[in-house]
Amino acid sequence: MTQTAVGGRPFLKMHGAGNDFVVLDARQQGWPLSDAAVRQIADRHTGVGCDQVIVVEPARQPGADAFLTIRNADGSEAAACGNASRCIAWLLMDERRVDQVVLETRAGLLPASRAGERQVCVDMGPARLEWQDIPLAFSLATLHLPLRLGPLSDPVAVNMGNPHAVFFVDDALSIDLAVLGPRLEHDPLFPERCNIEVAQVIGRDRLRVRVWERGAGITRACGSGACATLVAAARRGLASRKGEIVLDGGTLAIVWRDDNHVTMTGPVALSFAGTLGDGLAS
């Protein structure tokens, strides 16, 4: 990837349920970023600080309003990000004075619509449940993976644009994700690494979830992870196909529709605007 100086260009700092982003508008002028530049921007001590850097680019497919390049804090790329999709959809709808937009990501087209004051609903696409879709290193039934580490075992694998492994536990707050998360993310079973969720069933329509995101670590919320968790719980018979996912940073409403698409509704927030400094040259 071509390296370029990033200093002097404007950004927005946004978050969805505490999952925070630096948003860069590259629709008029290209903005290629090296992995090092992304890490500098995402650094919470010397940069702006965020879980992901989102570059908004011109749409590549007919019918889409913008293409999102999603970079994790470590510089790696993610195919989808539900909370960021809500944030960018809100920006575009506000900019164009419309109530619906279509976002293009590497995971596909994501229709989004207003759902209230600073609330956005995004169709995250179909839940992918086959082993090769996750992907896993070899053929396995994704409803029960033979994976165990410490108090965690028997996860469900779901791909919601990103790979997820959902572990069901009695107390989500008691799990040391800082220790277990990185080891599970890099388990050989996941050739593209994996997002790790620990989920506590509160009721048929409510789950308490904590997340370790590949390339970002513990985050206060993960939209695709919330979708994956509801799908996993419904597959196991632990929850219905509609419910609330309570994360560290807020609550998301998830519906696994009969057509296999999963919708996510939740809040968006604009924290502040700024300009990247010259010290953030890549």
C-alpha atoms as a PDB file:
ATOM      1  CA  MET A   1       0.000   0.000   0.000  1.00  0.00           C
ATOM      2  CA  THR A   2       1.316   3.443  -0.892  1.00  0.00           C
ATOM      3  CA  GLN A   3       2.338   5.408   2.152  1.00  0.00           C
ATOM      4  CA  THR A   4       1.262   9.022   2.552  1.00  0.00           C
ATOM      5  CA  ALA A   5       1.446  11.745   5.171  1.00  0.00           C
ATOM      6  CA  VAL A   6      -1.783  11.916   7.142  1.00  0.00           C
ATOM      7  CA  GLY A   7      -1.097  15.106   9.073  1.00  0.00           C
ATOM      8  CA  GLY A   8      -3.284  18.131   8.408  1.00  0.00           C
ATOM      9  CA  ARG A   9      -6.367  16.218   7.308  1.00  0.00           C
ATOM     10  CA  PRO A  10      -9.684  16.375   9.207  1.00  0.00           C
ATOM     11  CA  PHE A  11     -11.314  13.512  11.078  1.00  0.00           C
ATOM     12  CA  LEU A  12     -14.396  12.765  13.144  1.00  0.00           C
ATOM     13  CA  LYS A  13     -14.360  10.790  16.383  1.00  0.00           C
ATOM     14  CA  MET A  14     -17.542   8.722  16.766  1.00  0.00           C
ATOM     15  CA  HIS A  15     -18.784   5.772  18.756  1.00  0.00           C
ATOM     16  CA  GLY A  16     -21.643   3.308  18.794  1.00  0.00           C
ATOM     17  CA  ALA A  17     -22.384   1.958  22.274  1.00  0.00           C
ATOM     18  CA  GLY A  18     -18.816   2.780  23.280  1.00  0.00           C
ATOM     19  CA  ASN A  19     -17.156   1.047  20.303  1.00  0.00           C
ATOM     20  CA  ASP A  20     -15.177   4.046  19.044  1.00  0.00           C
ATOM     21  CA  PHE A  21     -13.856   5.074  15.633  1.00  0.00           C
ATOM     22  CA  VAL A  22     -11.788   7.654  13.839  1.00  0.00           C
ATOM     23  CA  VAL A  23     -13.673   8.449  10.627  1.00  0.00           C
ATOM     24  CA  LEU A  24     -11.733   9.711   7.597  1.00  0.00           C
ATOM     25  CA  ASP A  25     -13.541  11.059   4.513  1.00  0.00           C
ATOM     26  CA  ALA A  26     -11.735   9.940   1.352  1.00  0.00           C
ATOM     27  CA  ARG A  27     -14.597  10.418  -1.113  1.00  0.00           C
ATOM     28  CA  GLN A  28     -12.979  13.427  -2.788  1.00  0.00           C
ATOM     29  CA  GLN A  29      -9.311  12.684  -2.193  1.00  0.00           C
ATOM     30  CA  GLY A  30      -7.755   9.259  -1.748  1.00  0.00           C
ATOM     31  CA  TRP A  31      -6.374   8.381   1.656  1.00  0.00           C
ATOM     32  CA  PRO A  32      -4.109   5.316   1.516  1.00  0.00           C
ATOM     33  CA  LEU A  33      -2.876   4.450   5.002  1.00  0.00           C
ATOM     34  CA  SER A  34      -0.063   2.135   5.970  1.00  0.00           C
ATOM     35  CA  ASP A  35      -0.543  -0.237   8.895  1.00  0.00           C
ATOM     36  CA  ALA A  36       1.830   1.963  10.891  1.00  0.00           C
ATOM     37  CA  ALA A  37      -0.274   5.071  10.248  1.00  0.00           C
ATOM     38  CA  VAL A  38      -3.418   3.268  11.408  1.00  0.00           C
ATOM     39  CA  ARG A  39      -1.657   2.141  14.578  1.00  0.00           C
ATOM     40  CA  GLN A  40      -0.508   5.709  15.245  1.00  0.00           C
ATOM     41  CA  ILE A  41      -3.993   7.143  14.793  1.00  0.00           C
ATOM     42  CA  ALA A  42      -5.543   4.425  16.970  1.00  0.00           C
ATOM     43  CA  ASP A  43      -2.990   4.776  19.781  1.00  0.00           C
ATOM     44  CA  ARG A  44      -4.810   6.099  22.863  1.00  0.00           C
ATOM     45  CA  HIS A  45      -1.688   7.765  24.290  1.00  0.00           C
ATOM     46  CA  THR A  46      -0.004   9.393  21.300  1.00  0.00           C
ATOM     47  CA  GLY A  47      -2.748   9.402  18.650  1.00  0.00           C
ATOM     48  CA  VAL A  48      -6.480  10.091  18.566  1.00  0.00           C
ATOM     49  CA  GLY A  49      -7.357   6.710  20.036  1.00  0.00           C
ATOM     50  CA  CYS A  50      -9.957   4.258  18.739  1.00  0.00           C
ATOM     51  CA  ASP A  51     -10.903   0.638  18.229  1.00  0.00           C
ATOM     52  CA  GLN A  52     -11.075   1.027  14.438  1.00  0.00           C
ATOM     53  CA  VAL A  53     -10.174   3.574  11.774  1.00  0.00           C
ATOM     54  CA  ILE A  54     -12.935   3.924   9.161  1.00  0.00           C
ATOM     55  CA  VAL A  55     -12.118   5.314   5.709  1.00  0.00           C
ATOM     56  CA  VAL A  56     -15.215   6.429   3.774  1.00  0.00           C
ATOM     57  CA  GLU A  57     -14.574   6.045   0.041  1.00  0.00           C
ATOM     58  CA  PRO A  58     -16.649   6.388  -3.157  1.00  0.00           C
ATOM     59  CA  ALA A  59     -19.046   3.503  -3.750  1.00  0.00           C
ATOM     60  CA  ARG A  60     -17.857   0.793  -6.124  1.00  0.00           C
ATOM     61  CA  GLN A  61     -21.192  -0.901  -6.809  1.00  0.00           C
ATOM     62  CA  PRO A  62     -24.367   0.608  -8.289  1.00  0.00           C
ATOM     63  CA  GLY A  63     -26.913   1.403  -5.616  1.00  0.00           C
ATOM     64  CA  ALA A  64     -24.387   1.920  -2.828  1.00  0.00           C
ATOM     65  CA  ASP A  65     -23.802   5.324  -1.236  1.00  0.00           C
ATOM     66  CA  ALA A  66     -20.252   4.804   0.021  1.00  0.00           C
ATOM     67  CA  PHE A  67     -17.602   2.119   0.482  1.00  0.00           C
ATOM     68  CA  LEU A  68     -16.170   1.550   3.963  1.00  0.00           C
ATOM     69  CA  THR A  69     -12.615   0.404   4.506  1.00  0.00           C
ATOM     70  CA  ILE A  70     -12.394  -0.802   8.102  1.00  0.00           C
ATOM     71  CA  ARG A  71      -9.002  -0.985   9.797  1.00  0.00           C
ATOM     72  CA  ASN A  72      -8.499  -2.460  13.244  1.00  0.00           C
ATOM     73  CA  ALA A  73      -6.303  -0.732  15.790  1.00  0.00           C
ATOM     74  CA  ASP A  74      -3.385  -3.022  14.899  1.00  0.00           C
ATOM     75  CA  GLY A  75      -3.597  -2.003  11.210  1.00  0.00           C
ATOM     76  CA  SER A  76      -5.312  -5.169   9.980  1.00  0.00           C
ATOM     77  CA  GLU A  77      -8.482  -4.938   7.905  1.00  0.00           C
ATOM     78  CA  ALA A  78     -11.955  -6.140   8.867  1.00  0.00           C
ATOM     79  CA  ALA A  79     -14.659  -6.931   6.337  1.00  0.00           C
ATOM     80  CA  ALA A  80     -17.494  -5.459   8.400  1.00  0.00           C
ATOM     81  CA  CYS A  81     -18.179  -3.439  11.540  1.00  0.00           C
ATOM     82  CA  GLY A  82     -21.754  -3.051  12.678  1.00  0.00           C
ATOM     83  CA  ASN A  83     -21.319  -0.131  15.064  1.00  0.00           C
ATOM     84  CA  ALA A  84     -19.219   1.791  12.547  1.00  0.00           C
ATOM     85  CA  SER A  85     -21.796   1.080   9.847  1.00  0.00           C
ATOM     86  CA  ARG A  86     -24.477   2.708  11.984  1.00  0.00           C
ATOM     87  CA  CYS A  87     -22.282   5.748  12.567  1.00  0.00           C
ATOM     88  CA  ILE A  88     -21.405   6.244   8.908  1.00  0.00           C
ATOM     89  CA  ALA A  89     -25.003   5.624   7.841  1.00  0.00           C
ATOM     90  CA  TRP A  90     -26.148   8.350  10.229  1.00  0.00           C
ATOM     91  CA  LEU A  91     -23.562  10.776   8.820  1.00  0.00           C
ATOM     92  CA  LEU A  92     -24.605  10.065   5.235  1.00  0.00           C
ATOM     93  CA  MET A  93     -28.325  10.275   5.979  1.00  0.00           C
ATOM     94  CA  ASP A  94     -27.817  13.582   7.773  1.00  0.00           C
ATOM     95  CA  GLU A  95     -25.636  14.902   4.949  1.00  0.00           C
ATOM     96  CA  ARG A  96     -28.124  13.923   2.228  1.00  0.00           C
ATOM     97  CA  ARG A  97     -31.291  14.561   4.230  1.00  0.00           C
ATOM     98  CA  VAL A  98     -32.603  11.062   3.608  1.00  0.00           C
ATOM     99  CA  ASP A  99     -33.787   8.250   5.872  1.00  0.00           C
ATOM    100  CA  GLN A 100     -32.092   5.322   4.134  1.00  0.00           C
ATOM    101  CA  VAL A 101     -28.653   4.592   2.679  1.00  0.00           C
ATOM    102  CA  VAL A 102     -26.757   1.547   1.464  1.00  0.00           C
ATOM    103  CA  LEU A 103     -23.200   0.966   2.659  1.00  0.00           C
ATOM    104  CA  GLU A 104     -20.728  -1.136   0.721  1.00  0.00           C
ATOM    105  CA  THR A 105     -18.212  -3.231   2.655  1.00  0.00           C
ATOM    106  CA  ARG A 106     -16.003  -6.185   1.856  1.00  0.00           C
ATOM    107  CA  ALA A 107     -18.727  -8.290   3.473  1.00  0.00           C
ATOM    108  CA  GLY A 108     -21.346  -6.997   1.006  1.00  0.00           C
ATOM    109  CA  LEU A 109     -24.015  -4.306   0.802  1.00  0.00           C
ATOM    110  CA  LEU A 110     -25.553  -3.206   4.115  1.00  0.00           C
ATOM    111  CA  PRO A 111     -28.852  -1.271   3.911  1.00  0.00           C
ATOM    112  CA  ALA A 112     -29.358   1.145   6.806  1.00  0.00           C
ATOM    113  CA  SER A 113     -32.258   3.301   7.954  1.00  0.00           C
ATOM    114  CA  ARG A 114     -33.187   5.745  10.683  1.00  0.00           C
ATOM    115  CA  ALA A 115     -34.775   4.151  13.727  1.00  0.00           C
ATOM    116  CA  GLY A 116     -35.236   7.178  15.985  1.00  0.00           C
ATOM    117  CA  GLU A 117     -33.218  10.082  17.323  1.00  0.00           C
ATOM    118  CA  ARG A 118     -29.590   9.090  16.710  1.00  0.00           C
ATOM    119  CA  GLN A 119     -30.699   5.487  16.347  1.00  0.00           C
ATOM    120  CA  VAL A 120     -29.900   3.510  13.197  1.00  0.00           C
ATOM    121  CA  CYS A 121     -30.914   0.044  12.011  1.00  0.00           C
ATOM    122  CA  VAL A 122     -28.500  -1.859   9.763  1.00  0.00           C
ATOM    123  CA  ASP A 123     -29.162  -5.068   7.857  1.00  0.00           C
ATOM    124  CA  MET A 124     -25.928  -6.929   8.537  1.00  0.00           C
ATOM    125  CA  GLY A 125     -26.668  -9.571   5.907  1.00  0.00           C
ATOM    126  CA  PRO A 126     -27.095 -13.318   6.324  1.00  0.00           C
ATOM    127  CA  ALA A 127     -25.668 -15.343   9.180  1.00  0.00           C
ATOM    128  CA  ARG A 128     -23.080 -17.691   7.667  1.00  0.00           C
ATOM    129  CA  LEU A 129     -22.896 -20.952   9.540  1.00  0.00           C
ATOM    130  CA  GLU A 130     -20.877 -23.444   7.485  1.00  0.00           C
ATOM    131  CA  TRP A 131     -17.336 -24.271   8.602  1.00  0.00           C
ATOM    132  CA  GLN A 132     -15.761 -22.916   5.415  1.00  0.00           C
ATOM    133  CA  ASP A 133     -17.661 -19.639   5.825  1.00  0.00           C
ATOM    134  CA  ILE A 134     -16.269 -18.890   9.286  1.00  0.00           C
ATOM    135  CA  PRO A 135     -13.621 -19.971   8.166  1.00  0.00           C
ATOM    136  CA  LEU A 136     -12.323 -22.894  10.205  1.00  0.00           C
ATOM    137  CA  ALA A 137      -9.107 -24.768   9.493  1.00  0.00           C
ATOM    138  CA  PHE A 138     -11.005 -27.973   8.710  1.00  0.00           C
ATOM    139  CA  SER A 139     -14.533 -29.356   8.511  1.00  0.00           C
ATOM    140  CA  LEU A 140     -16.412 -29.182  11.821  1.00  0.00           C
ATOM    141  CA  ALA A 141     -19.992 -28.717  12.978  1.00  0.00           C
ATOM    142  CA  THR A 142     -20.136 -25.037  13.907  1.00  0.00           C
ATOM    143  CA  LEU A 143     -22.816 -25.497  16.567  1.00  0.00           C
ATOM    144  CA  HIS A 144     -20.303 -27.188  18.896  1.00  0.00           C
ATOM    145  CA  LEU A 145     -16.607 -26.480  18.355  1.00  0.00           C
ATOM    146  CA  PRO A 146     -14.143 -28.728  20.210  1.00  0.00           C
ATOM    147  CA  LEU A 147     -12.323 -25.753  21.706  1.00  0.00           C
ATOM    148  CA  ARG A 148     -11.515 -25.260  25.366  1.00  0.00           C
ATOM    149  CA  LEU A 149      -9.372 -22.802  27.302  1.00  0.00           C
ATOM    150  CA  GLY A 150      -9.630 -22.346  31.056  1.00  0.00           C
ATOM    151  CA  PRO A 151     -13.302 -21.868  31.990  1.00  0.00           C
ATOM    152  CA  LEU A 152     -14.366 -21.482  28.342  1.00  0.00           C
ATOM    153  CA  SER A 153     -15.474 -24.413  26.194  1.00  0.00           C
ATOM    154  CA  ASP A 154     -17.885 -25.575  23.490  1.00  0.00           C
ATOM    155  CA  PRO A 155     -18.364 -22.342  21.501  1.00  0.00           C
ATOM    156  CA  VAL A 156     -20.673 -21.706  18.545  1.00  0.00           C
ATOM    157  CA  ALA A 157     -19.067 -20.322  15.380  1.00  0.00           C
ATOM    158  CA  VAL A 158     -20.879 -17.695  13.290  1.00  0.00           C
ATOM    159  CA  ASN A 159     -19.679 -15.410  10.522  1.00  0.00           C
ATOM    160  CA  MET A 160     -21.402 -12.004  10.392  1.00  0.00           C
ATOM    161  CA  GLY A 161     -18.949 -10.440   7.969  1.00  0.00           C
ATOM    162  CA  ASN A 162     -16.278 -11.328  10.539  1.00  0.00           C
ATOM    163  CA  PRO A 163     -15.598 -14.694  12.210  1.00  0.00           C
ATOM    164  CA  HIS A 164     -16.957 -15.106  15.737  1.00  0.00           C
ATOM    165  CA  ALA A 165     -16.747 -17.787  18.404  1.00  0.00           C
ATOM    166  CA  VAL A 166     -19.422 -17.423  21.089  1.00  0.00           C
ATOM    167  CA  PHE A 167     -18.888 -19.057  24.483  1.00  0.00           C
ATOM    168  CA  PHE A 168     -21.845 -19.340  26.871  1.00  0.00           C
ATOM    169  CA  VAL A 169     -21.000 -18.796  30.525  1.00  0.00           C
ATOM    170  CA  ASP A 170     -22.775 -18.366  33.856  1.00  0.00           C
ATOM    171  CA  ASP A 171     -21.177 -14.975  34.562  1.00  0.00           C
ATOM    172  CA  ALA A 172     -19.723 -12.929  31.704  1.00  0.00           C
ATOM    173  CA  LEU A 173     -18.061 -10.469  34.079  1.00  0.00           C
ATOM    174  CA  SER A 174     -16.012 -13.195  35.754  1.00  0.00           C
ATOM    175  CA  ILE A 175     -14.143 -14.190  32.576  1.00  0.00           C
ATOM    176  CA  ASP A 176     -10.609 -12.809  32.183  1.00  0.00           C
ATOM    177  CA  LEU A 177     -10.882 -11.831  28.513  1.00  0.00           C
ATOM    178  CA  ALA A 178      -7.579  -9.961  28.604  1.00  0.00           C
ATOM    179  CA  VAL A 179      -5.817 -13.296  29.155  1.00  0.00           C
ATOM    180  CA  LEU A 180      -8.068 -15.707  27.268  1.00  0.00           C
ATOM    181  CA  GLY A 181      -9.074 -13.492  24.347  1.00  0.00           C
ATOM    182  CA  PRO A 182      -5.748 -13.200  22.541  1.00  0.00           C
ATOM    183  CA  ARG A 183      -5.000 -16.916  22.856  1.00  0.00           C
ATOM    184  CA  LEU A 184      -8.389 -17.869  21.437  1.00  0.00           C
ATOM    185  CA  GLU A 185      -8.177 -15.226  18.690  1.00  0.00           C
ATOM    186  CA  HIS A 186      -4.994 -16.868  17.416  1.00  0.00           C
ATOM    187  CA  ASP A 187      -6.022 -20.504  17.899  1.00  0.00           C
ATOM    188  CA  PRO A 188      -4.979 -22.651  14.892  1.00  0.00           C
ATOM    189  CA  LEU A 189      -8.646 -23.530  14.366  1.00  0.00           C
ATOM    190  CA  PHE A 190      -9.141 -19.989  12.988  1.00  0.00           C
ATOM    191  CA  PRO A 191      -6.889 -19.349   9.964  1.00  0.00           C
ATOM    192  CA  GLU A 192      -8.106 -15.720   9.747  1.00  0.00           C
ATOM    193  CA  ARG A 193      -8.131 -15.268  13.533  1.00  0.00           C
ATOM    194  CA  CYS A 194     -11.443 -14.816  15.340  1.00  0.00           C
ATOM    195  CA  ASN A 195     -13.540 -12.474  17.455  1.00  0.00           C
ATOM    196  CA  ILE A 196     -14.356 -13.971  20.848  1.00  0.00           C
ATOM    197  CA  GLU A 197     -17.619 -13.422  22.749  1.00  0.00           C
ATOM    198  CA  VAL A 198     -18.555 -14.565  26.239  1.00  0.00           C
ATOM    199  CA  ALA A 199     -22.325 -14.543  26.659  1.00  0.00           C
ATOM    200  CA  GLN A 200     -24.487 -14.883  29.758  1.00  0.00           C
ATOM    201  CA  VAL A 201     -28.154 -15.696  29.162  1.00  0.00           C
ATOM    202  CA  ILE A 202     -30.321 -13.385  31.262  1.00  0.00           C
ATOM    203  CA  GLY A 203     -33.572 -14.338  29.554  1.00  0.00           C
ATOM    204  CA  ARG A 204     -35.001 -15.551  26.257  1.00  0.00           C
ATOM    205  CA  ASP A 205     -34.722 -12.033  24.869  1.00  0.00           C
ATOM    206  CA  ARG A 206     -31.721 -10.625  26.749  1.00  0.00           C
ATOM    207  CA  LEU A 207     -28.038 -11.601  26.918  1.00  0.00           C
ATOM    208  CA  ARG A 208     -25.054 -10.010  28.668  1.00  0.00           C
ATOM    209  CA  VAL A 209     -22.019 -10.106  26.383  1.00  0.00           C
ATOM    210  CA  ARG A 210     -18.371  -9.112  26.527  1.00  0.00           C
ATOM    211  CA  VAL A 211     -16.131  -9.052  23.485  1.00  0.00           C
ATOM    212  CA  TRP A 212     -12.522  -9.586  22.493  1.00  0.00           C
ATOM    213  CA  GLU A 213     -12.139  -8.262  18.926  1.00  0.00           C
ATOM    214  CA  ARG A 214      -9.370  -9.562  16.696  1.00  0.00           C
ATOM    215  CA  GLY A 215      -6.935  -6.773  16.007  1.00  0.00           C
ATOM    216  CA  ALA A 216      -8.422  -4.477  18.654  1.00  0.00           C
ATOM    217  CA  GLY A 217      -8.632  -6.363  21.963  1.00  0.00           C
ATOM    218  CA  ILE A 218     -11.402  -5.820  24.500  1.00  0.00           C
ATOM    219  CA  THR A 219     -13.957  -3.345  23.154  1.00  0.00           C
ATOM    220  CA  ARG A 220     -17.004  -1.851  24.827  1.00  0.00           C
ATOM    221  CA  ALA A 221     -19.261  -3.132  22.070  1.00  0.00           C
ATOM    222  CA  CYS A 222     -19.130  -5.087  18.819  1.00  0.00           C
ATOM    223  CA  GLY A 223     -22.067  -4.933  16.416  1.00  0.00           C
ATOM    224  CA  SER A 224     -21.244  -8.013  14.382  1.00  0.00           C
ATOM    225  CA  GLY A 225     -20.469  -9.795  17.661  1.00  0.00           C
ATOM    226  CA  ALA A 226     -23.884  -8.889  19.056  1.00  0.00           C
ATOM    227  CA  CYS A 227     -25.489 -10.322  15.907  1.00  0.00           C
ATOM    228  CA  ALA A 228     -23.373 -13.470  16.102  1.00  0.00           C
ATOM    229  CA  THR A 229     -24.263 -13.942  19.771  1.00  0.00           C
ATOM    230  CA  LEU A 230     -28.015 -13.815  19.202  1.00  0.00           C
ATOM    231  CA  VAL A 231     -27.709 -16.235  16.285  1.00  0.00           C
ATOM    232  CA  ALA A 232     -25.571 -18.592  18.387  1.00  0.00           C
ATOM    233  CA  ALA A 233     -28.003 -18.452  21.318  1.00  0.00           C
ATOM    234  CA  ALA A 234     -30.991 -19.075  19.063  1.00  0.00           C
ATOM    235  CA  ARG A 235     -29.248 -22.013  17.403  1.00  0.00           C
ATOM    236  CA  ARG A 236     -28.599 -23.535  20.818  1.00  0.00           C
ATOM    237  CA  GLY A 237     -32.213 -22.967  21.888  1.00  0.00           C
ATOM    238  CA  LEU A 238     -31.118 -20.554  24.624  1.00  0.00           C
ATOM    239  CA  ALA A 239     -32.855 -17.468  23.237  1.00  0.00           C
ATOM    240  CA  SER A 240     -35.444 -16.370  20.727  1.00  0.00           C
ATOM    241  CA  ARG A 241     -34.576 -14.862  17.338  1.00  0.00           C
ATOM    242  CA  LYS A 242     -35.166 -11.328  18.647  1.00  0.00           C
ATOM    243  CA  GLY A 243     -33.567  -9.809  21.688  1.00  0.00           C
ATOM    244  CA  GLU A 244     -31.339  -7.286  23.407  1.00  0.00           C
ATOM    245  CA  ILE A 245     -27.588  -7.712  23.665  1.00  0.00           C
ATOM    246  CA  VAL A 246     -26.216  -5.859  26.680  1.00  0.00           C
ATOM    247  CA  LEU A 247     -22.559  -4.913  26.135  1.00  0.00           C
ATOM    248  CA  ASP A 248     -20.091  -2.985  28.265  1.00  0.00           C
ATOM    249  CA  GLY A 249     -20.916   0.249  26.418  1.00  0.00           C
ATOM    250  CA  GLY A 250     -24.647  -0.080  25.811  1.00  0.00           C
ATOM    251  CA  THR A 251     -27.458  -2.215  24.449  1.00  0.00           C
ATOM    252  CA  LEU A 252     -28.153  -3.289  20.860  1.00  0.00           C
ATOM    253  CA  ALA A 253     -31.429  -4.711  19.549  1.00  0.00           C
ATOM    254  CA  ILE A 254     -30.882  -7.727  17.284  1.00  0.00           C
ATOM    255  CA  VAL A 255     -33.323  -9.622  15.079  1.00  0.00           C
ATOM    256  CA  TRP A 256     -32.463 -12.822  13.187  1.00  0.00           C
ATOM    257  CA  ARG A 257     -35.089 -12.731  10.471  1.00  0.00           C
ATOM    258  CA  ASP A 258     -36.683 -15.719   8.774  1.00  0.00           C
ATOM    259  CA  ASP A 259     -34.724 -14.926   5.584  1.00  0.00           C
ATOM    260  CA  ASN A 260     -31.503 -15.496   7.597  1.00  0.00           C
ATOM    261  CA  HIS A 261     -30.563 -11.794   7.549  1.00  0.00           C
ATOM    262  CA  VAL A 262     -29.678 -10.209  10.885  1.00  0.00           C
ATOM    263  CA  THR A 263     -30.627  -6.625  11.717  1.00  0.00           C
ATOM    264  CA  MET A 264     -29.035  -4.506  14.409  1.00  0.00           C
ATOM    265  CA  THR A 265     -30.477  -1.314  15.889  1.00  0.00           C
ATOM    266  CA  GLY A 266     -28.553   0.933  18.228  1.00  0.00           C
ATOM    267  CA  PRO A 267     -27.253   4.401  19.055  1.00  0.00           C
ATOM    268  CA  VAL A 268     -24.700   6.580  17.292  1.00  0.00           C
ATOM    269  CA  ALA A 269     -22.709   9.437  18.785  1.00  0.00           C
ATOM    270  CA  LEU A 270     -20.407  12.117  17.402  1.00  0.00           C
ATOM    271  CA  SER A 271     -17.764  12.827  20.039  1.00  0.00           C
ATOM    272  CA  PHE A 272     -15.661  15.527  18.378  1.00  0.00           C
ATOM    273  CA  ALA A 273     -13.982  16.709  15.183  1.00  0.00           C
ATOM    274  CA  GLY A 274     -10.306  17.457  14.718  1.00  0.00           C
ATOM    275  CA  THR A 275      -7.307  17.561  12.434  1.00  0.00           C
ATOM    276  CA  LEU A 276      -4.566  14.965  12.381  1.00  0.00           C
ATOM    277  CA  GLY A 277      -1.197  16.352  13.402  1.00  0.00           C
ATOM    278  CA  ASP A 278       2.007  16.155  11.387  1.00  0.00           C
ATOM    279  CA  GLY A 279       3.360  13.684  13.931  1.00  0.00           C
ATOM    280  CA  LEU A 280       1.009  11.084  12.476  1.00  0.00           C
ATOM    281  CA  ALA A 281       2.863  10.785   9.159  1.00  0.00           C
ATOM    282  CA  SER A 282       3.047   7.158   8.043  1.00  0.00           C
END
